[in-house]
Amino acid sequence: MRETLIGRRIRVIDSKNKSLVGIEGRVIDETKNTIKIIDKKNKEKTLVKKQITFELDSIVVEGEKIAKRIEERIKR
């Protein structure tokens, strides 16, 4: 995954914290370790990348594999 997640819709499909499974929303910010989303109820939620696996455009992404700063991830 070489592009930013900001503006994209994600859905958590697995997590070490089972209460996060099923959360979905639009990404409004991304840091090295977190993804901040806004859900259907306009509530902000911060997700720890290393704790989640999520679906993005029908692609399954393990958060641990993208736990880098955006600029590190998009470099070749």
Protein backbone atom coordinates (compact mmCIF):
# COMPACT_ATOMS: atom_id res chain seq x y z
CA MET A 1 0.00 0.00 0.00
CA ARG A 2 1.84 3.03 -1.24
CA GLU A 3 -0.84 5.73 -1.15
CA THR A 4 -2.37 7.68 1.71
CA LEU A 5 -5.53 6.40 3.34
CA ILE A 6 -6.97 9.87 3.97
CA GLY A 7 -10.38 10.26 2.35
CA ARG A 8 -10.86 6.53 1.82
CA ARG A 9 -13.47 4.32 3.50
CA ILE A 10 -12.31 1.43 5.66
CA ARG A 11 -13.97 -1.31 7.69
CA VAL A 12 -12.25 -3.18 10.52
CA ILE A 13 -12.59 -6.92 9.89
CA ASP A 14 -10.31 -8.24 12.64
CA SER A 15 -8.67 -6.82 15.72
CA LYS A 16 -6.92 -7.82 18.91
CA ASN A 17 -9.64 -5.69 20.53
CA LYS A 18 -12.80 -7.48 19.36
CA SER A 19 -14.99 -4.43 20.12
CA LEU A 20 -13.39 -2.71 17.11
CA VAL A 21 -14.50 -5.35 14.60
CA GLY A 22 -17.16 -3.93 12.31
CA ILE A 23 -16.24 -0.27 12.80
CA GLU A 24 -16.25 1.56 9.52
CA GLY A 25 -15.81 5.09 8.36
CA ARG A 26 -13.89 7.59 6.29
CA VAL A 27 -10.23 8.17 7.14
CA ILE A 28 -9.62 11.77 8.20
CA ASP A 29 -6.04 11.47 9.45
CA GLU A 30 -3.20 8.97 9.46
CA THR A 31 0.00 8.85 11.50
CA LYS A 32 2.76 6.29 11.78
CA ASN A 33 0.82 4.25 14.32
CA THR A 34 -2.82 5.30 14.00
CA ILE A 35 -5.71 5.84 11.65
CA LYS A 36 -8.37 8.37 12.64
CA ILE A 37 -11.81 7.85 11.11
CA ILE A 38 -15.17 9.53 11.27
CA ASP A 39 -18.02 7.03 11.49
CA LYS A 40 -21.64 7.14 10.30
CA LYS A 41 -22.66 8.99 13.47
CA ASN A 42 -20.02 11.70 12.86
CA LYS A 43 -17.93 10.44 15.77
CA GLU A 44 -14.15 10.37 15.52
CA LYS A 45 -12.41 7.13 16.39
CA THR A 46 -8.69 6.50 16.55
CA LEU A 47 -7.54 3.02 15.58
CA VAL A 48 -4.08 1.60 16.32
CA LYS A 49 -2.70 0.16 13.08
CA LYS A 50 -0.85 -2.70 14.75
CA GLN A 51 -4.08 -3.93 16.36
CA ILE A 52 -6.34 -4.08 13.29
CA THR A 53 -6.89 -5.74 9.96
CA PHE A 54 -9.17 -3.74 7.71
CA GLU A 55 -10.85 -3.81 4.36
CA LEU A 56 -10.19 -1.03 1.88
CA ASP A 57 -11.83 -1.18 -1.56
CA SER A 58 -12.30 -4.97 -1.20
CA ILE A 59 -8.61 -5.40 -0.32
CA VAL A 60 -7.65 -6.82 3.08
CA VAL A 61 -4.86 -4.81 4.73
CA GLU A 62 -2.99 -5.84 7.87
CA GLY A 63 -2.41 -2.63 9.79
CA GLU A 64 0.89 -3.88 11.16
CA LYS A 65 2.33 -4.00 7.63
CA ILE A 66 1.60 -0.32 7.01
CA ALA A 67 2.61 0.96 10.46
CA LYS A 68 5.02 3.51 9.01
CA ARG A 69 4.92 7.20 8.32
CA ILE A 70 3.11 7.95 5.07
CA GLU A 71 6.25 9.31 3.43
CA GLU A 72 8.19 6.13 4.30
CA ARG A 73 5.45 3.94 2.88
CA ILE A 74 5.11 5.73 -0.46
CA LYS A 75 8.85 5.81 -1.24
CA ARG A 76 10.21 3.09 -3.46
